[in-house]
Amino acid sequence: MQHSNTQDTLVGLFVASGLVGLFFLAMQVSNLSSFTAHDSYTVTARFSNSGGLKVKSPVSAAGVKIGRVTAISFDPKTYQSVVQLSIDKQYNTLPNDTSASVFTAGLLGEQYVNLDAGGSDDFLTEGSEIEITQSAIILEKALGQFLFKSAEEKK
């Protein structure tokens, strides 16, 4: 009977470790894996269309993740999407003429903000606004323009 209790305990530990592994895998996939608050600074970018960008979407520069999107709101005066970006403090040498673009990553279409560094000697700081932005390319809109143009050419 003692052997059965040991075996039951080992199976229970195996199942528990599997559940813990699934939990961390789910956190990684859903971009919720960062439990600690990193030392960062916040900048703002305005887009005419932010597409499918979401809070917690990555912010990258040169292919390296340097931060996350922390908030997305609509400005009723300018009719623009206002996106707040939290950038890790270690990347505090981004020039203040850096440009921001919304790109799509991978086959599933997850969108992210890509920053292209400018050439200024002054840097982005807490509360800065990125002036040069490029909105997300909306596939349906581009396809509609292509079809409309080809229909015009046939006339």
N, C-alpha and C. Protein backbone atom coordinates (compact mmCIF):
# COMPACT_ATOMS: atom_id res chain seq x y z
N MET A 1 0.83 -1.20 0.00
CA MET A 1 0.00 0.00 0.00
C MET A 1 0.87 1.26 0.00
N GLN A 2 2.03 1.16 0.63
CA GLN A 2 2.94 2.31 0.69
C GLN A 2 3.41 2.68 -0.71
N HIS A 3 3.65 1.72 -1.55
CA HIS A 3 4.10 1.96 -2.92
C HIS A 3 3.06 2.76 -3.72
N SER A 4 1.82 2.50 -3.50
CA SER A 4 0.74 3.19 -4.20
C SER A 4 0.68 4.66 -3.81
N ASN A 5 0.89 4.98 -2.54
CA ASN A 5 0.89 6.38 -2.10
C ASN A 5 2.03 7.16 -2.72
N THR A 6 3.20 6.56 -2.82
CA THR A 6 4.36 7.21 -3.44
C THR A 6 4.09 7.46 -4.92
N GLN A 7 3.51 6.47 -5.55
CA GLN A 7 3.19 6.59 -6.98
C GLN A 7 2.13 7.67 -7.20
N ASP A 8 1.12 7.71 -6.35
CA ASP A 8 0.08 8.74 -6.45
C ASP A 8 0.66 10.13 -6.25
N THR A 9 1.60 10.27 -5.32
CA THR A 9 2.24 11.55 -5.08
C THR A 9 3.06 12.00 -6.28
N LEU A 10 3.79 11.08 -6.88
CA LEU A 10 4.59 11.42 -8.06
C LEU A 10 3.70 11.81 -9.24
N VAL A 11 2.62 11.10 -9.45
CA VAL A 11 1.70 11.46 -10.52
C VAL A 11 1.08 12.82 -10.26
N GLY A 12 0.72 13.09 -9.01
CA GLY A 12 0.15 14.39 -8.65
C GLY A 12 1.13 15.52 -8.90
N LEU A 13 2.41 15.32 -8.54
CA LEU A 13 3.44 16.33 -8.79
C LEU A 13 3.65 16.54 -10.29
N PHE A 14 3.61 15.48 -11.05
CA PHE A 14 3.76 15.57 -12.51
C PHE A 14 2.62 16.38 -13.13
N VAL A 15 1.41 16.10 -12.71
CA VAL A 15 0.24 16.83 -13.23
C VAL A 15 0.31 18.30 -12.81
N ALA A 16 0.68 18.57 -11.56
CA ALA A 16 0.78 19.95 -11.08
C ALA A 16 1.84 20.72 -11.86
N SER A 17 3.00 20.09 -12.09
CA SER A 17 4.05 20.78 -12.87
C SER A 17 3.60 21.02 -14.30
N GLY A 18 2.82 20.11 -14.87
CA GLY A 18 2.28 20.32 -16.22
C GLY A 18 1.33 21.50 -16.26
N LEU A 19 0.49 21.63 -15.24
CA LEU A 19 -0.43 22.77 -15.18
C LEU A 19 0.31 24.08 -15.02
N VAL A 20 1.35 24.10 -14.20
CA VAL A 20 2.17 25.31 -14.04
C VAL A 20 2.83 25.68 -15.36
N GLY A 21 3.36 24.67 -16.08
CA GLY A 21 3.97 24.91 -17.39
C GLY A 21 2.96 25.47 -18.38
N LEU A 22 1.75 24.95 -18.40
CA LEU A 22 0.71 25.47 -19.30
C LEU A 22 0.34 26.91 -18.94
N PHE A 23 0.31 27.23 -17.65
CA PHE A 23 0.01 28.59 -17.22
C PHE A 23 1.05 29.57 -17.76
N PHE A 24 2.33 29.24 -17.58
CA PHE A 24 3.38 30.14 -18.06
C PHE A 24 3.41 30.22 -19.58
N LEU A 25 3.09 29.14 -20.27
CA LEU A 25 2.99 29.17 -21.72
C LEU A 25 1.86 30.10 -22.16
N ALA A 26 0.72 30.03 -21.49
CA ALA A 26 -0.40 30.91 -21.80
C ALA A 26 -0.03 32.37 -21.55
N MET A 27 0.70 32.64 -20.48
CA MET A 27 1.13 34.02 -20.20
C MET A 27 2.08 34.53 -21.28
N GLN A 28 2.96 33.68 -21.76
CA GLN A 28 3.92 34.07 -22.79
C GLN A 28 3.20 34.38 -24.10
N VAL A 29 2.26 33.54 -24.48
CA VAL A 29 1.53 33.72 -25.73
C VAL A 29 0.67 34.97 -25.69
N SER A 30 0.09 35.28 -24.53
CA SER A 30 -0.82 36.42 -24.42
C SER A 30 -0.12 37.72 -24.06
N ASN A 31 1.21 37.75 -24.09
CA ASN A 31 1.99 38.95 -23.78
C ASN A 31 1.77 39.46 -22.37
N LEU A 32 1.41 38.59 -21.45
CA LEU A 32 1.22 38.99 -20.06
C LEU A 32 2.33 38.46 -19.16
N SER A 33 3.42 38.02 -19.76
CA SER A 33 4.44 37.32 -19.00
C SER A 33 5.29 38.23 -18.13
N SER A 34 5.26 39.52 -18.32
CA SER A 34 6.10 40.39 -17.50
C SER A 34 5.35 40.76 -16.22
N PHE A 35 5.72 40.09 -15.13
CA PHE A 35 5.07 40.34 -13.86
C PHE A 35 5.66 41.56 -13.16
N THR A 36 6.89 41.90 -13.49
CA THR A 36 7.55 43.03 -12.84
C THR A 36 7.45 44.27 -13.71
N ALA A 37 7.35 45.41 -13.06
CA ALA A 37 7.31 46.67 -13.78
C ALA A 37 8.75 47.10 -14.07
N HIS A 38 9.06 47.28 -15.33
CA HIS A 38 10.40 47.70 -15.71
C HIS A 38 10.50 49.22 -15.57
N ASP A 39 11.72 49.70 -15.34
CA ASP A 39 11.97 51.12 -15.29
C ASP A 39 11.85 51.65 -16.71
N SER A 40 10.90 52.54 -16.95
CA SER A 40 10.64 52.98 -18.32
C SER A 40 10.20 54.44 -18.35
N TYR A 41 10.10 54.96 -19.57
CA TYR A 41 9.56 56.30 -19.77
C TYR A 41 8.50 56.23 -20.86
N THR A 42 7.56 57.17 -20.83
CA THR A 42 6.40 57.13 -21.72
C THR A 42 6.49 58.23 -22.76
N VAL A 43 6.26 57.86 -24.03
CA VAL A 43 6.17 58.83 -25.12
C VAL A 43 4.84 58.59 -25.84
N THR A 44 4.42 59.57 -26.62
CA THR A 44 3.14 59.51 -27.32
C THR A 44 3.37 59.61 -28.82
N ALA A 45 2.55 58.89 -29.58
CA ALA A 45 2.56 58.98 -31.04
C ALA A 45 1.12 59.06 -31.51
N ARG A 46 0.87 59.87 -32.53
CA ARG A 46 -0.48 60.04 -33.08
C ARG A 46 -0.52 59.43 -34.48
N PHE A 47 -1.53 58.59 -34.72
CA PHE A 47 -1.69 57.94 -36.02
C PHE A 47 -3.07 58.26 -36.56
N SER A 48 -3.18 58.41 -37.89
CA SER A 48 -4.51 58.59 -38.46
C SER A 48 -5.30 57.29 -38.41
N ASN A 49 -4.59 56.16 -38.34
CA ASN A 49 -5.24 54.87 -38.18
C ASN A 49 -4.26 53.92 -37.50
N SER A 50 -4.60 53.45 -36.31
CA SER A 50 -3.71 52.54 -35.60
C SER A 50 -4.01 51.07 -35.90
N GLY A 51 -4.96 50.81 -36.81
CA GLY A 51 -5.26 49.45 -37.23
C GLY A 51 -5.67 48.57 -36.07
N GLY A 52 -5.10 47.37 -36.01
CA GLY A 52 -5.42 46.41 -34.96
C GLY A 52 -4.45 46.44 -33.80
N LEU A 53 -3.78 47.57 -33.61
CA LEU A 53 -2.84 47.71 -32.50
C LEU A 53 -3.59 47.57 -31.18
N LYS A 54 -2.98 46.89 -30.23
CA LYS A 54 -3.62 46.65 -28.93
C LYS A 54 -2.70 47.10 -27.80
N VAL A 55 -3.31 47.34 -26.64
CA VAL A 55 -2.52 47.59 -25.44
C VAL A 55 -1.68 46.34 -25.18
N LYS A 56 -0.44 46.51 -24.81
CA LYS A 56 0.57 45.48 -24.58
C LYS A 56 1.20 44.97 -25.88
N SER A 57 0.86 45.58 -27.03
CA SER A 57 1.56 45.24 -28.27
C SER A 57 3.02 45.67 -28.13
N PRO A 58 3.94 44.95 -28.77
CA PRO A 58 5.35 45.30 -28.65
C PRO A 58 5.72 46.60 -29.35
N VAL A 59 6.73 47.26 -28.83
CA VAL A 59 7.37 48.40 -29.49
C VAL A 59 8.80 47.94 -29.77
N SER A 60 9.23 48.07 -31.03
CA SER A 60 10.57 47.59 -31.36
C SER A 60 11.34 48.64 -32.14
N ALA A 61 12.66 48.49 -32.11
CA ALA A 61 13.57 49.32 -32.90
C ALA A 61 14.64 48.38 -33.43
N ALA A 62 14.85 48.40 -34.73
CA ALA A 62 15.84 47.54 -35.40
C ALA A 62 15.59 46.07 -35.09
N GLY A 63 14.32 45.70 -34.92
CA GLY A 63 13.97 44.30 -34.67
C GLY A 63 14.10 43.87 -33.22
N VAL A 64 14.46 44.78 -32.33
CA VAL A 64 14.62 44.46 -30.91
C VAL A 64 13.47 45.05 -30.12
N LYS A 65 12.82 44.24 -29.28
CA LYS A 65 11.71 44.74 -28.47
C LYS A 65 12.27 45.67 -27.39
N ILE A 66 11.80 46.93 -27.41
CA ILE A 66 12.30 47.91 -26.45
C ILE A 66 11.20 48.45 -25.53
N GLY A 67 9.97 48.00 -25.74
CA GLY A 67 8.88 48.50 -24.90
C GLY A 67 7.55 47.91 -25.28
N ARG A 68 6.49 48.52 -24.78
CA ARG A 68 5.12 48.07 -25.02
C ARG A 68 4.18 49.26 -25.19
N VAL A 69 3.07 49.02 -25.87
CA VAL A 69 1.99 50.00 -25.96
C VAL A 69 1.24 49.94 -24.64
N THR A 70 1.05 51.10 -24.00
CA THR A 70 0.37 51.11 -22.69
C THR A 70 -1.06 51.64 -22.77
N ALA A 71 -1.38 52.43 -23.78
CA ALA A 71 -2.74 52.97 -23.90
C ALA A 71 -2.99 53.41 -25.34
N ILE A 72 -4.25 53.28 -25.76
CA ILE A 72 -4.67 53.75 -27.08
C ILE A 72 -5.99 54.49 -26.87
N SER A 73 -6.05 55.73 -27.36
CA SER A 73 -7.27 56.51 -27.21
C SER A 73 -7.55 57.29 -28.50
N PHE A 74 -8.73 57.87 -28.55
CA PHE A 74 -9.16 58.64 -29.73
C PHE A 74 -9.23 60.11 -29.35
N ASP A 75 -8.61 60.97 -30.16
CA ASP A 75 -8.66 62.41 -29.94
C ASP A 75 -9.81 62.98 -30.77
N PRO A 76 -10.91 63.42 -30.15
CA PRO A 76 -12.07 63.91 -30.91
C PRO A 76 -11.82 65.23 -31.63
N LYS A 77 -10.75 65.94 -31.29
CA LYS A 77 -10.46 67.21 -31.97
C LYS A 77 -9.69 66.99 -33.27
N THR A 78 -8.72 66.08 -33.25
CA THR A 78 -7.90 65.84 -34.45
C THR A 78 -8.33 64.59 -35.20
N TYR A 79 -9.24 63.80 -34.60
CA TYR A 79 -9.71 62.54 -35.20
C TYR A 79 -8.56 61.58 -35.44
N GLN A 80 -7.64 61.54 -34.49
CA GLN A 80 -6.50 60.65 -34.58
C GLN A 80 -6.48 59.67 -33.42
N SER A 81 -5.76 58.59 -33.63
CA SER A 81 -5.52 57.62 -32.59
C SER A 81 -4.27 58.05 -31.82
N VAL A 82 -4.39 58.18 -30.50
CA VAL A 82 -3.27 58.59 -29.66
C VAL A 82 -2.76 57.34 -28.95
N VAL A 83 -1.50 56.99 -29.23
CA VAL A 83 -0.91 55.77 -28.70
C VAL A 83 0.21 56.13 -27.72
N GLN A 84 0.11 55.62 -26.50
CA GLN A 84 1.17 55.83 -25.51
C GLN A 84 2.10 54.63 -25.51
N LEU A 85 3.40 54.91 -25.60
CA LEU A 85 4.41 53.87 -25.66
C LEU A 85 5.27 53.93 -24.41
N SER A 86 5.45 52.81 -23.75
CA SER A 86 6.35 52.72 -22.61
C SER A 86 7.65 52.09 -23.11
N ILE A 87 8.73 52.85 -23.03
CA ILE A 87 10.02 52.40 -23.54
C ILE A 87 10.96 52.19 -22.36
N ASP A 88 11.65 51.05 -22.36
CA ASP A 88 12.58 50.73 -21.27
C ASP A 88 13.64 51.81 -21.15
N LYS A 89 13.98 52.16 -19.90
CA LYS A 89 14.94 53.25 -19.62
C LYS A 89 16.30 53.01 -20.27
N GLN A 90 16.69 51.77 -20.45
CA GLN A 90 18.01 51.51 -21.03
C GLN A 90 18.11 51.99 -22.47
N TYR A 91 16.96 52.25 -23.10
CA TYR A 91 16.94 52.78 -24.47
C TYR A 91 16.60 54.27 -24.45
N ASN A 92 17.30 55.03 -23.64
CA ASN A 92 17.01 56.45 -23.47
C ASN A 92 17.80 57.34 -24.42
N THR A 93 18.39 56.75 -25.47
CA THR A 93 19.16 57.53 -26.42
C THR A 93 18.50 57.56 -27.79
N LEU A 94 17.18 57.39 -27.82
CA LEU A 94 16.46 57.51 -29.09
C LEU A 94 16.35 58.99 -29.45
N PRO A 95 16.78 59.39 -30.65
CA PRO A 95 16.70 60.80 -31.04
C PRO A 95 15.25 61.30 -31.04
N ASN A 96 15.06 62.60 -30.79
CA ASN A 96 13.70 63.13 -30.72
C ASN A 96 13.04 63.28 -32.09
N ASP A 97 13.77 63.01 -33.18
CA ASP A 97 13.16 62.98 -34.50
C ASP A 97 12.94 61.55 -34.99
N THR A 98 12.82 60.62 -34.04
CA THR A 98 12.52 59.22 -34.34
C THR A 98 11.13 59.14 -34.95
N SER A 99 10.94 58.22 -35.92
CA SER A 99 9.62 58.03 -36.52
C SER A 99 9.02 56.72 -36.03
N ALA A 100 7.69 56.67 -36.01
CA ALA A 100 6.96 55.49 -35.54
C ALA A 100 6.04 55.00 -36.65
N SER A 101 6.02 53.69 -36.86
CA SER A 101 5.16 53.07 -37.86
C SER A 101 4.46 51.87 -37.25
N VAL A 102 3.24 51.60 -37.72
CA VAL A 102 2.52 50.41 -37.28
C VAL A 102 2.72 49.34 -38.34
N PHE A 103 3.31 48.22 -37.94
CA PHE A 103 3.57 47.11 -38.85
C PHE A 103 2.85 45.87 -38.38
N THR A 104 2.77 44.88 -39.27
CA THR A 104 2.18 43.59 -38.96
C THR A 104 3.27 42.54 -38.90
N ALA A 105 3.24 41.72 -37.86
CA ALA A 105 4.24 40.67 -37.69
C ALA A 105 3.60 39.31 -37.88
N GLY A 106 4.26 38.46 -38.61
CA GLY A 106 3.84 37.07 -38.72
C GLY A 106 2.58 36.85 -39.51
N LEU A 107 2.21 35.57 -39.58
CA LEU A 107 1.04 35.16 -40.35
C LEU A 107 -0.27 35.48 -39.66
N LEU A 108 -0.24 35.59 -38.33
CA LEU A 108 -1.48 35.83 -37.60
C LEU A 108 -1.87 37.30 -37.58
N GLY A 109 -0.97 38.17 -38.02
CA GLY A 109 -1.32 39.57 -38.16
C GLY A 109 -1.22 40.39 -36.89
N GLU A 110 -0.43 39.96 -35.91
CA GLU A 110 -0.24 40.78 -34.71
C GLU A 110 0.47 42.07 -35.12
N GLN A 111 -0.06 43.18 -34.68
CA GLN A 111 0.54 44.46 -35.05
C GLN A 111 1.42 44.99 -33.93
N TYR A 112 2.44 45.75 -34.32
CA TYR A 112 3.37 46.32 -33.37
C TYR A 112 3.82 47.68 -33.87
N VAL A 113 4.44 48.47 -32.98
CA VAL A 113 4.97 49.78 -33.35
C VAL A 113 6.47 49.63 -33.56
N ASN A 114 6.94 50.07 -34.71
CA ASN A 114 8.36 50.05 -35.01
C ASN A 114 8.89 51.49 -34.98
N LEU A 115 10.00 51.69 -34.29
CA LEU A 115 10.61 53.01 -34.21
C LEU A 115 11.87 53.03 -35.07
N ASP A 116 11.98 54.04 -35.92
CA ASP A 116 13.19 54.25 -36.73
C ASP A 116 13.88 55.50 -36.22
N ALA A 117 15.11 55.33 -35.77
CA ALA A 117 15.85 56.44 -35.17
C ALA A 117 16.17 57.51 -36.20
N GLY A 118 16.09 58.75 -35.78
CA GLY A 118 16.45 59.89 -36.63
C GLY A 118 17.91 60.23 -36.41
N GLY A 119 18.26 61.48 -36.68
CA GLY A 119 19.65 61.90 -36.56
C GLY A 119 19.88 63.04 -35.59
N SER A 120 18.88 63.39 -34.81
CA SER A 120 19.00 64.51 -33.89
C SER A 120 19.96 64.21 -32.75
N ASP A 121 20.52 65.27 -32.18
CA ASP A 121 21.39 65.12 -31.00
C ASP A 121 20.60 65.14 -29.71
N ASP A 122 19.31 65.54 -29.77
CA ASP A 122 18.44 65.55 -28.59
C ASP A 122 17.66 64.24 -28.55
N PHE A 123 17.32 63.79 -27.34
CA PHE A 123 16.70 62.49 -27.17
C PHE A 123 15.25 62.59 -26.71
N LEU A 124 14.49 61.50 -26.96
CA LEU A 124 13.14 61.39 -26.43
C LEU A 124 13.23 61.25 -24.91
N THR A 125 12.34 61.95 -24.21
CA THR A 125 12.30 61.86 -22.76
C THR A 125 10.86 61.61 -22.32
N GLU A 126 10.65 61.49 -21.03
CA GLU A 126 9.31 61.29 -20.48
C GLU A 126 8.37 62.38 -20.98
N GLY A 127 7.24 61.97 -21.58
CA GLY A 127 6.24 62.92 -22.06
C GLY A 127 6.47 63.44 -23.47
N SER A 128 7.55 63.02 -24.13
CA SER A 128 7.80 63.47 -25.51
C SER A 128 6.74 62.94 -26.45
N GLU A 129 6.58 63.63 -27.59
CA GLU A 129 5.67 63.16 -28.62
C GLU A 129 6.45 62.90 -29.90
N ILE A 130 6.22 61.74 -30.48
CA ILE A 130 6.85 61.39 -31.75
C ILE A 130 6.03 62.05 -32.85
N GLU A 131 6.67 62.95 -33.59
CA GLU A 131 5.96 63.75 -34.60
C GLU A 131 5.76 63.01 -35.92
N ILE A 132 6.73 62.21 -36.33
CA ILE A 132 6.69 61.54 -37.63
C ILE A 132 6.11 60.14 -37.45
N THR A 133 4.91 59.92 -37.98
CA THR A 133 4.26 58.61 -37.83
C THR A 133 3.73 58.13 -39.17
N GLN A 134 3.63 56.82 -39.29
CA GLN A 134 3.04 56.19 -40.46
C GLN A 134 2.00 55.20 -39.97
N SER A 135 0.77 55.37 -40.41
CA SER A 135 -0.33 54.54 -39.93
C SER A 135 -0.25 53.12 -40.48
N ALA A 136 -1.07 52.28 -39.89
CA ALA A 136 -1.15 50.89 -40.33
C ALA A 136 -1.73 50.82 -41.74
N ILE A 137 -1.24 49.87 -42.51
CA ILE A 137 -1.79 49.63 -43.85
C ILE A 137 -2.97 48.68 -43.67
N ILE A 138 -4.14 49.14 -44.05
CA ILE A 138 -5.36 48.34 -43.92
C ILE A 138 -5.56 47.59 -45.23
N LEU A 139 -5.50 46.26 -45.16
CA LEU A 139 -5.56 45.43 -46.36
C LEU A 139 -6.83 45.66 -47.16
N GLU A 140 -7.95 45.77 -46.49
CA GLU A 140 -9.22 45.96 -47.19
C GLU A 140 -9.24 47.28 -47.96
N LYS A 141 -8.68 48.33 -47.35
CA LYS A 141 -8.64 49.64 -47.99
C LYS A 141 -7.73 49.61 -49.21
N ALA A 142 -6.57 49.00 -49.09
CA ALA A 142 -5.64 48.91 -50.21
C ALA A 142 -6.23 48.09 -51.34
N LEU A 143 -6.90 47.00 -51.00
CA LEU A 143 -7.52 46.15 -52.01
C LEU A 143 -8.66 46.90 -52.71
N GLY A 144 -9.44 47.66 -51.96
CA GLY A 144 -10.52 48.45 -52.55
C GLY A 144 -9.99 49.50 -53.51
N GLN A 145 -8.90 50.15 -53.15
CA GLN A 145 -8.30 51.15 -54.04
C GLN A 145 -7.78 50.50 -55.32
N PHE A 146 -7.18 49.32 -55.18
CA PHE A 146 -6.68 48.60 -56.35
C PHE A 146 -7.82 48.21 -57.28
N LEU A 147 -8.90 47.68 -56.74
CA LEU A 147 -10.05 47.29 -57.56
C LEU A 147 -10.70 48.50 -58.20
N PHE A 148 -10.81 49.60 -57.46
CA PHE A 148 -11.41 50.81 -58.03
C PHE A 148 -10.56 51.34 -59.17
N LYS A 149 -9.23 51.32 -58.99
CA LYS A 149 -8.32 51.81 -60.03
C LYS A 149 -8.40 50.93 -61.28
N SER A 150 -8.45 49.60 -61.10
CA SER A 150 -8.52 48.73 -62.26
C SER A 150 -9.87 48.86 -62.96
N ALA A 151 -10.93 49.15 -62.23
CA ALA A 151 -12.24 49.35 -62.86
C ALA A 151 -12.23 50.66 -63.65
N GLU A 152 -11.55 51.69 -63.16
CA GLU A 152 -11.46 52.97 -63.87
C GLU A 152 -10.67 52.81 -65.17
N GLU A 153 -9.62 51.99 -65.14
CA GLU A 153 -8.80 51.80 -66.33
C GLU A 153 -9.54 51.07 -67.44
N LYS A 154 -10.52 50.24 -67.08
CA LYS A 154 -11.27 49.48 -68.07
C LYS A 154 -12.31 50.32 -68.79
N LYS A 155 -12.64 51.48 -68.23
CA LYS A 155 -13.68 52.34 -68.84
C LYS A 155 -13.19 53.00 -70.08
